[in-house]
Amino acid sequence: MSDDEFGGRGGAGAIGDDDVNLPKATINKLIQELMPGDFSCAKDAKDLIADCCKEFVLAISSEANEICEKDSKKTMMPEHILAALKALGFDDMVEEVSDVLQDHKEIAKGEKQKKAKKLGGGSGMTQEELLAAQEQLFAASRAKFEAGGVSETPAA
């Protein structure tokens, strides 16, 4: 698939270069973090770096899209990105990108487990123990109510 077919550059209905930009604040932050403290970066240089980043992302995504189409897939997966990096001659980046992907998967898995634990299994009690504790609380509340221990709150 050419750039024109999926709206990369030119052609009817294509996305113009001005329509696709990376967040400048993010790029500026990366530049500041990676440069030594005694160096500064001119605005033109920052803009050039942003344009290069945009072109890199467009090139990788375009190639990955072509690989998806060849594989008759409708969803781009990390494997397609890795294959695109290889196809475009960025073989030296594949191992590092794979490591970052693995780290991301581990972090996502940990967050998913943490969320599941928070939603249901955070107490350390089994389902049966939770139900029994709930019944005890209901019984205690019912007994207190029947004994007149609960005063009705006045209407606001």
N, C-alpha and C. Protein backbone atom coordinates (compact mmCIF):
# COMPACT_ATOMS: atom_id res chain seq x y z
N MET A 1 0.86 -1.17 0.00
CA MET A 1 0.00 0.00 0.00
C MET A 1 0.90 1.23 0.00
N SER A 2 0.62 2.16 -0.88
CA SER A 2 1.45 3.36 -0.95
C SER A 2 0.99 4.37 0.08
N ASP A 3 1.83 5.40 0.28
CA ASP A 3 1.47 6.45 1.22
C ASP A 3 0.17 7.13 0.82
N ASP A 4 -0.02 7.31 -0.50
CA ASP A 4 -1.23 7.98 -0.98
C ASP A 4 -2.48 7.20 -0.64
N GLU A 5 -2.40 5.87 -0.66
CA GLU A 5 -3.59 5.05 -0.44
C GLU A 5 -4.12 5.14 0.98
N PHE A 6 -3.24 5.27 1.96
CA PHE A 6 -3.75 5.31 3.32
C PHE A 6 -3.62 6.69 3.95
N GLY A 7 -3.35 7.69 3.15
CA GLY A 7 -3.39 9.06 3.65
C GLY A 7 -2.10 9.56 4.23
N GLY A 8 -0.97 9.04 3.79
CA GLY A 8 0.31 9.47 4.33
C GLY A 8 0.74 10.82 3.80
N ARG A 9 0.85 10.94 2.46
CA ARG A 9 1.30 12.20 1.86
C ARG A 9 0.59 12.37 0.52
N GLY A 10 -0.03 13.50 0.36
CA GLY A 10 -0.65 13.83 -0.93
C GLY A 10 -1.87 12.99 -1.22
N GLY A 11 -2.49 13.23 -2.36
CA GLY A 11 -3.66 12.46 -2.75
C GLY A 11 -4.93 13.02 -2.15
N ALA A 12 -6.04 12.67 -2.75
CA ALA A 12 -7.33 13.15 -2.25
C ALA A 12 -7.64 12.54 -0.90
N GLY A 13 -8.06 13.36 0.03
CA GLY A 13 -8.44 12.86 1.35
C GLY A 13 -7.26 12.52 2.23
N ALA A 14 -6.06 12.87 1.80
CA ALA A 14 -4.87 12.54 2.58
C ALA A 14 -4.73 13.49 3.76
N ILE A 15 -4.06 13.00 4.75
CA ILE A 15 -3.78 13.82 5.92
C ILE A 15 -2.57 14.66 5.59
N GLY A 16 -2.67 15.96 5.74
CA GLY A 16 -1.55 16.84 5.45
C GLY A 16 -0.49 16.76 6.54
N ASP A 17 0.70 17.23 6.21
CA ASP A 17 1.80 17.20 7.18
C ASP A 17 1.47 18.01 8.43
N ASP A 18 0.68 19.06 8.28
CA ASP A 18 0.33 19.88 9.43
C ASP A 18 -0.69 19.21 10.34
N ASP A 19 -1.40 18.20 9.81
CA ASP A 19 -2.44 17.53 10.58
C ASP A 19 -1.86 16.48 11.54
N VAL A 20 -0.65 16.01 11.27
CA VAL A 20 -0.05 14.96 12.08
C VAL A 20 1.21 15.51 12.74
N ASN A 21 1.15 15.68 14.05
CA ASN A 21 2.30 16.19 14.79
C ASN A 21 2.42 15.46 16.11
N LEU A 22 3.64 15.34 16.57
CA LEU A 22 3.88 14.78 17.89
C LEU A 22 3.85 15.93 18.89
N PRO A 23 3.49 15.66 20.12
CA PRO A 23 3.43 16.74 21.13
C PRO A 23 4.80 17.39 21.34
N LYS A 24 4.85 18.69 21.08
CA LYS A 24 6.13 19.41 21.20
C LYS A 24 6.65 19.39 22.62
N ALA A 25 5.76 19.45 23.60
CA ALA A 25 6.21 19.44 25.00
C ALA A 25 6.94 18.14 25.31
N THR A 26 6.45 17.04 24.79
CA THR A 26 7.09 15.75 25.03
C THR A 26 8.45 15.70 24.36
N ILE A 27 8.51 16.17 23.13
CA ILE A 27 9.78 16.17 22.41
C ILE A 27 10.78 17.07 23.12
N ASN A 28 10.34 18.25 23.54
CA ASN A 28 11.24 19.17 24.26
C ASN A 28 11.75 18.55 25.55
N LYS A 29 10.87 17.84 26.26
CA LYS A 29 11.28 17.20 27.51
C LYS A 29 12.33 16.12 27.24
N LEU A 30 12.13 15.33 26.18
CA LEU A 30 13.11 14.30 25.83
C LEU A 30 14.45 14.92 25.47
N ILE A 31 14.41 16.00 24.70
CA ILE A 31 15.65 16.68 24.31
C ILE A 31 16.39 17.17 25.56
N GLN A 32 15.66 17.80 26.48
CA GLN A 32 16.28 18.32 27.70
C GLN A 32 16.88 17.20 28.55
N GLU A 33 16.18 16.08 28.63
CA GLU A 33 16.66 14.97 29.45
C GLU A 33 17.90 14.31 28.85
N LEU A 34 18.00 14.29 27.51
CA LEU A 34 19.09 13.57 26.86
C LEU A 34 20.33 14.43 26.63
N MET A 35 20.17 15.74 26.64
CA MET A 35 21.33 16.62 26.40
C MET A 35 22.02 16.95 27.72
N PRO A 36 23.34 17.10 27.67
CA PRO A 36 24.05 17.53 28.87
C PRO A 36 23.54 18.89 29.33
N GLY A 37 23.63 19.15 30.61
CA GLY A 37 23.08 20.36 31.19
C GLY A 37 23.65 21.65 30.64
N ASP A 38 24.91 21.63 30.17
CA ASP A 38 25.52 22.86 29.69
C ASP A 38 25.27 23.12 28.20
N PHE A 39 24.45 22.28 27.55
CA PHE A 39 24.09 22.48 26.16
C PHE A 39 22.67 22.99 26.06
N SER A 40 22.42 23.77 25.02
CA SER A 40 21.05 24.20 24.75
C SER A 40 20.73 23.82 23.31
N CYS A 41 19.45 23.84 23.01
CA CYS A 41 19.00 23.43 21.69
C CYS A 41 18.15 24.56 21.11
N ALA A 42 18.51 25.02 19.92
CA ALA A 42 17.77 26.11 19.28
C ALA A 42 16.38 25.63 18.87
N LYS A 43 15.46 26.56 18.76
CA LYS A 43 14.08 26.24 18.39
C LYS A 43 14.03 25.54 17.03
N ASP A 44 14.84 26.02 16.06
CA ASP A 44 14.86 25.38 14.74
C ASP A 44 15.33 23.93 14.83
N ALA A 45 16.31 23.68 15.70
CA ALA A 45 16.80 22.32 15.87
C ALA A 45 15.73 21.43 16.50
N LYS A 46 15.00 21.97 17.49
CA LYS A 46 13.91 21.22 18.12
C LYS A 46 12.82 20.90 17.10
N ASP A 47 12.50 21.88 16.26
CA ASP A 47 11.49 21.66 15.22
C ASP A 47 11.95 20.59 14.23
N LEU A 48 13.24 20.61 13.88
CA LEU A 48 13.79 19.61 12.97
C LEU A 48 13.73 18.22 13.60
N ILE A 49 14.08 18.13 14.86
CA ILE A 49 14.00 16.84 15.56
C ILE A 49 12.56 16.34 15.59
N ALA A 50 11.60 17.24 15.84
CA ALA A 50 10.18 16.86 15.85
C ALA A 50 9.75 16.34 14.49
N ASP A 51 10.20 17.01 13.42
CA ASP A 51 9.85 16.57 12.07
C ASP A 51 10.47 15.20 11.77
N CYS A 52 11.71 14.99 12.20
CA CYS A 52 12.36 13.70 11.99
C CYS A 52 11.62 12.59 12.74
N CYS A 53 11.21 12.88 13.98
CA CYS A 53 10.46 11.89 14.77
C CYS A 53 9.15 11.54 14.07
N LYS A 54 8.47 12.56 13.56
CA LYS A 54 7.20 12.34 12.88
C LYS A 54 7.41 11.47 11.64
N GLU A 55 8.43 11.78 10.85
CA GLU A 55 8.71 11.01 9.65
C GLU A 55 9.07 9.56 9.99
N PHE A 56 9.82 9.38 11.08
CA PHE A 56 10.19 8.03 11.51
C PHE A 56 8.94 7.23 11.87
N VAL A 57 8.06 7.83 12.65
CA VAL A 57 6.82 7.14 13.06
C VAL A 57 5.96 6.83 11.85
N LEU A 58 5.85 7.77 10.93
CA LEU A 58 5.06 7.53 9.71
C LEU A 58 5.66 6.42 8.86
N ALA A 59 6.99 6.39 8.74
CA ALA A 59 7.64 5.35 7.94
C ALA A 59 7.42 3.97 8.56
N ILE A 60 7.62 3.87 9.87
CA ILE A 60 7.45 2.58 10.55
C ILE A 60 6.01 2.13 10.47
N SER A 61 5.07 3.03 10.74
CA SER A 61 3.65 2.63 10.71
C SER A 61 3.20 2.27 9.30
N SER A 62 3.71 2.96 8.30
CA SER A 62 3.36 2.64 6.92
C SER A 62 3.87 1.25 6.54
N GLU A 63 5.11 0.97 6.88
CA GLU A 63 5.68 -0.35 6.58
C GLU A 63 4.96 -1.44 7.36
N ALA A 64 4.66 -1.19 8.63
CA ALA A 64 3.94 -2.17 9.44
C ALA A 64 2.54 -2.41 8.87
N ASN A 65 1.91 -1.37 8.37
CA ASN A 65 0.60 -1.50 7.74
C ASN A 65 0.68 -2.40 6.52
N GLU A 66 1.72 -2.22 5.70
CA GLU A 66 1.90 -3.08 4.53
C GLU A 66 2.10 -4.53 4.93
N ILE A 67 2.86 -4.74 6.00
CA ILE A 67 3.09 -6.11 6.49
C ILE A 67 1.77 -6.71 6.98
N CYS A 68 0.95 -5.92 7.66
CA CYS A 68 -0.36 -6.39 8.10
C CYS A 68 -1.21 -6.82 6.92
N GLU A 69 -1.21 -6.00 5.88
CA GLU A 69 -2.01 -6.32 4.70
C GLU A 69 -1.53 -7.60 4.03
N LYS A 70 -0.20 -7.78 3.95
CA LYS A 70 0.35 -9.00 3.36
C LYS A 70 -0.07 -10.23 4.16
N ASP A 71 -0.16 -10.07 5.48
CA ASP A 71 -0.56 -11.17 6.36
C ASP A 71 -2.07 -11.29 6.50
N SER A 72 -2.81 -10.44 5.79
CA SER A 72 -4.28 -10.40 5.86
C SER A 72 -4.76 -10.14 7.29
N LYS A 73 -4.08 -9.27 7.97
CA LYS A 73 -4.46 -8.90 9.33
C LYS A 73 -5.04 -7.50 9.32
N LYS A 74 -6.01 -7.26 10.19
CA LYS A 74 -6.62 -5.93 10.28
C LYS A 74 -6.15 -5.17 11.51
N THR A 75 -5.43 -5.84 12.39
CA THR A 75 -4.93 -5.20 13.61
C THR A 75 -3.41 -5.25 13.60
N MET A 76 -2.79 -4.08 13.76
CA MET A 76 -1.34 -4.01 13.81
C MET A 76 -0.88 -4.46 15.19
N MET A 77 0.04 -5.39 15.21
CA MET A 77 0.57 -5.96 16.45
C MET A 77 2.04 -5.59 16.60
N PRO A 78 2.60 -5.74 17.80
CA PRO A 78 4.02 -5.43 17.99
C PRO A 78 4.94 -6.20 17.04
N GLU A 79 4.56 -7.40 16.68
CA GLU A 79 5.38 -8.19 15.76
C GLU A 79 5.49 -7.50 14.40
N HIS A 80 4.42 -6.81 13.99
CA HIS A 80 4.45 -6.08 12.72
C HIS A 80 5.42 -4.89 12.80
N ILE A 81 5.47 -4.25 13.94
CA ILE A 81 6.39 -3.12 14.12
C ILE A 81 7.83 -3.63 14.07
N LEU A 82 8.10 -4.74 14.74
CA LEU A 82 9.45 -5.31 14.72
C LEU A 82 9.86 -5.70 13.31
N ALA A 83 8.94 -6.30 12.56
CA ALA A 83 9.21 -6.68 11.17
C ALA A 83 9.45 -5.44 10.31
N ALA A 84 8.70 -4.36 10.58
CA ALA A 84 8.88 -3.12 9.83
C ALA A 84 10.25 -2.52 10.11
N LEU A 85 10.68 -2.56 11.36
CA LEU A 85 12.02 -2.06 11.70
C LEU A 85 13.09 -2.82 10.92
N LYS A 86 12.94 -4.14 10.85
CA LYS A 86 13.91 -4.95 10.10
C LYS A 86 13.85 -4.62 8.62
N ALA A 87 12.65 -4.52 8.07
CA ALA A 87 12.49 -4.26 6.64
C ALA A 87 13.07 -2.90 6.24
N LEU A 88 13.03 -1.94 7.14
CA LEU A 88 13.54 -0.60 6.84
C LEU A 88 15.02 -0.43 7.20
N GLY A 89 15.66 -1.52 7.63
CA GLY A 89 17.09 -1.47 7.90
C GLY A 89 17.47 -1.04 9.31
N PHE A 90 16.53 -1.10 10.22
CA PHE A 90 16.81 -0.73 11.62
C PHE A 90 17.01 -1.98 12.47
N ASP A 91 17.75 -2.93 11.93
CA ASP A 91 17.98 -4.20 12.63
C ASP A 91 18.61 -4.00 14.00
N ASP A 92 19.46 -2.99 14.13
CA ASP A 92 20.15 -2.77 15.40
C ASP A 92 19.20 -2.28 16.49
N MET A 93 18.01 -1.85 16.13
CA MET A 93 17.03 -1.37 17.11
C MET A 93 16.08 -2.47 17.59
N VAL A 94 15.98 -3.56 16.83
CA VAL A 94 14.98 -4.58 17.09
C VAL A 94 15.13 -5.19 18.48
N GLU A 95 16.35 -5.50 18.89
CA GLU A 95 16.55 -6.13 20.20
C GLU A 95 16.13 -5.19 21.33
N GLU A 96 16.52 -3.92 21.23
CA GLU A 96 16.16 -2.95 22.27
C GLU A 96 14.65 -2.73 22.32
N VAL A 97 14.03 -2.63 21.16
CA VAL A 97 12.57 -2.45 21.11
C VAL A 97 11.87 -3.68 21.69
N SER A 98 12.40 -4.86 21.39
CA SER A 98 11.83 -6.10 21.95
C SER A 98 11.93 -6.11 23.48
N ASP A 99 13.05 -5.63 24.00
CA ASP A 99 13.22 -5.56 25.45
C ASP A 99 12.21 -4.59 26.07
N VAL A 100 12.03 -3.44 25.43
CA VAL A 100 11.07 -2.45 25.93
C VAL A 100 9.66 -3.03 25.88
N LEU A 101 9.34 -3.75 24.82
CA LEU A 101 8.03 -4.40 24.69
C LEU A 101 7.82 -5.40 25.82
N GLN A 102 8.83 -6.20 26.11
CA GLN A 102 8.73 -7.19 27.18
C GLN A 102 8.54 -6.51 28.53
N ASP A 103 9.28 -5.44 28.77
CA ASP A 103 9.12 -4.68 30.02
C ASP A 103 7.70 -4.12 30.12
N HIS A 104 7.19 -3.59 29.02
CA HIS A 104 5.84 -3.03 29.01
C HIS A 104 4.80 -4.11 29.32
N LYS A 105 4.99 -5.30 28.75
CA LYS A 105 4.05 -6.40 29.00
C LYS A 105 4.07 -6.80 30.47
N GLU A 106 5.25 -6.84 31.07
CA GLU A 106 5.36 -7.21 32.48
C GLU A 106 4.71 -6.16 33.38
N ILE A 107 4.92 -4.90 33.06
CA ILE A 107 4.30 -3.82 33.84
C ILE A 107 2.78 -3.89 33.72
N ALA A 108 2.30 -4.08 32.49
CA ALA A 108 0.85 -4.16 32.26
C ALA A 108 0.25 -5.35 32.98
N LYS A 109 0.97 -6.47 32.99
CA LYS A 109 0.48 -7.67 33.68
C LYS A 109 0.40 -7.41 35.18
N GLY A 110 1.42 -6.76 35.73
CA GLY A 110 1.43 -6.44 37.16
C GLY A 110 0.30 -5.50 37.53
N GLU A 111 0.05 -4.49 36.68
CA GLU A 111 -1.05 -3.56 36.94
C GLU A 111 -2.40 -4.25 36.86
N LYS A 112 -2.53 -5.19 35.93
CA LYS A 112 -3.78 -5.93 35.78
C LYS A 112 -4.03 -6.79 37.01
N GLN A 113 -2.98 -7.44 37.50
CA GLN A 113 -3.12 -8.27 38.70
C GLN A 113 -3.44 -7.40 39.92
N LYS A 114 -2.79 -6.25 40.00
CA LYS A 114 -3.02 -5.33 41.11
C LYS A 114 -4.47 -4.85 41.10
N LYS A 115 -4.98 -4.54 39.92
CA LYS A 115 -6.35 -4.07 39.79
C LYS A 115 -7.34 -5.18 40.16
N ALA A 116 -7.06 -6.40 39.69
CA ALA A 116 -7.94 -7.53 40.01
C ALA A 116 -7.95 -7.80 41.51
N LYS A 117 -6.79 -7.69 42.13
CA LYS A 117 -6.69 -7.92 43.57
C LYS A 117 -7.46 -6.85 44.33
N LYS A 118 -7.35 -5.61 43.85
CA LYS A 118 -8.04 -4.50 44.49
C LYS A 118 -9.55 -4.65 44.37
N LEU A 119 -10.02 -5.13 43.22
CA LEU A 119 -11.46 -5.25 42.99
C LEU A 119 -12.09 -6.43 43.72
N GLY A 120 -11.37 -7.53 43.86
CA GLY A 120 -12.03 -8.69 44.42
C GLY A 120 -11.26 -9.45 45.47
N GLY A 121 -10.00 -9.63 45.27
CA GLY A 121 -9.26 -10.50 46.16
C GLY A 121 -8.36 -9.77 47.12
N GLY A 122 -8.58 -8.53 47.37
CA GLY A 122 -7.69 -7.73 48.19
C GLY A 122 -7.73 -8.05 49.66
N SER A 123 -8.79 -8.68 50.17
CA SER A 123 -8.93 -8.93 51.59
C SER A 123 -8.16 -10.16 52.05
N GLY A 124 -7.82 -11.02 51.12
CA GLY A 124 -7.14 -12.26 51.47
C GLY A 124 -8.10 -13.34 51.94
N MET A 125 -9.39 -13.05 51.87
CA MET A 125 -10.40 -14.02 52.31
C MET A 125 -10.99 -14.71 51.09
N THR A 126 -11.43 -15.96 51.30
CA THR A 126 -12.09 -16.68 50.22
C THR A 126 -13.50 -16.12 50.05
N GLN A 127 -14.14 -16.50 48.98
CA GLN A 127 -15.51 -16.04 48.71
C GLN A 127 -16.45 -16.49 49.83
N GLU A 128 -16.27 -17.72 50.30
CA GLU A 128 -17.12 -18.23 51.38
C GLU A 128 -16.92 -17.43 52.67
N GLU A 129 -15.66 -17.10 52.98
CA GLU A 129 -15.37 -16.33 54.19
C GLU A 129 -15.96 -14.92 54.09
N LEU A 130 -15.90 -14.33 52.92
CA LEU A 130 -16.49 -13.01 52.72
C LEU A 130 -18.00 -13.04 52.92
N LEU A 131 -18.66 -14.08 52.37
CA LEU A 131 -20.11 -14.20 52.53
C LEU A 131 -20.49 -14.41 53.99
N ALA A 132 -19.71 -15.24 54.71
CA ALA A 132 -19.99 -15.47 56.12
C ALA A 132 -19.82 -14.19 56.93
N ALA A 133 -18.77 -13.42 56.65
CA ALA A 133 -18.55 -12.16 57.35
C ALA A 133 -19.68 -11.18 57.05
N GLN A 134 -20.14 -11.17 55.82
CA GLN A 134 -21.25 -10.28 55.45
C GLN A 134 -22.52 -10.67 56.21
N GLU A 135 -22.80 -11.94 56.30
CA GLU A 135 -23.99 -12.41 57.03
C GLU A 135 -23.89 -12.04 58.51
N GLN A 136 -22.69 -12.14 59.09
CA GLN A 136 -22.51 -11.76 60.49
C GLN A 136 -22.78 -10.27 60.69
N LEU A 137 -22.29 -9.47 59.77
CA LEU A 137 -22.53 -8.02 59.87
C LEU A 137 -24.00 -7.69 59.74
N PHE A 138 -24.69 -8.36 58.80
CA PHE A 138 -26.13 -8.15 58.65
C PHE A 138 -26.88 -8.55 59.92
N ALA A 139 -26.52 -9.70 60.49
CA ALA A 139 -27.18 -10.18 61.71
C ALA A 139 -26.95 -9.21 62.87
N ALA A 140 -25.73 -8.72 63.01
CA ALA A 140 -25.43 -7.78 64.09
C ALA A 140 -26.20 -6.48 63.90
N SER A 141 -26.28 -6.02 62.68
CA SER A 141 -27.01 -4.78 62.38
C SER A 141 -28.51 -4.96 62.63
N ARG A 142 -29.04 -6.13 62.24
CA ARG A 142 -30.47 -6.42 62.44
C ARG A 142 -30.80 -6.47 63.92
N ALA A 143 -29.92 -7.12 64.70
CA ALA A 143 -30.14 -7.24 66.13
C ALA A 143 -30.09 -5.87 66.80
N LYS A 144 -29.17 -5.05 66.40
CA LYS A 144 -29.04 -3.71 66.95
C LYS A 144 -30.27 -2.87 66.60
N PHE A 145 -30.76 -3.01 65.41
CA PHE A 145 -31.93 -2.26 64.96
C PHE A 145 -33.17 -2.70 65.75
N GLU A 146 -33.34 -4.02 65.91
CA GLU A 146 -34.51 -4.55 66.61
C GLU A 146 -34.46 -4.19 68.09
N ALA A 147 -33.29 -4.01 68.65
CA ALA A 147 -33.14 -3.65 70.05
C ALA A 147 -33.33 -2.15 70.26
N GLY A 148 -33.50 -1.43 69.17
CA GLY A 148 -33.73 0.02 69.29
C GLY A 148 -32.45 0.79 69.41
N GLY A 149 -31.32 0.18 69.06
CA GLY A 149 -30.04 0.84 69.18
C GLY A 149 -29.76 1.82 68.06
N VAL A 150 -30.55 1.78 67.04
CA VAL A 150 -30.31 2.68 65.90
C VAL A 150 -31.37 3.77 65.96
N SER A 151 -30.92 5.00 66.07
CA SER A 151 -31.86 6.10 66.08
C SER A 151 -32.09 6.57 64.67
N GLU A 152 -33.31 6.97 64.41
CA GLU A 152 -33.63 7.47 63.07
C GLU A 152 -33.09 8.88 62.96
N THR A 153 -32.53 9.18 61.82
CA THR A 153 -32.00 10.51 61.59
C THR A 153 -33.13 11.41 61.11
N PRO A 154 -33.17 12.65 61.59
CA PRO A 154 -34.23 13.55 61.16
C PRO A 154 -34.09 13.88 59.68
N ALA A 155 -35.21 14.12 59.04
CA ALA A 155 -35.21 14.44 57.62
C ALA A 155 -34.57 15.81 57.42
N ALA A 156 -33.80 15.92 56.38
CA ALA A 156 -33.09 17.18 56.12
C ALA A 156 -33.94 18.13 55.35
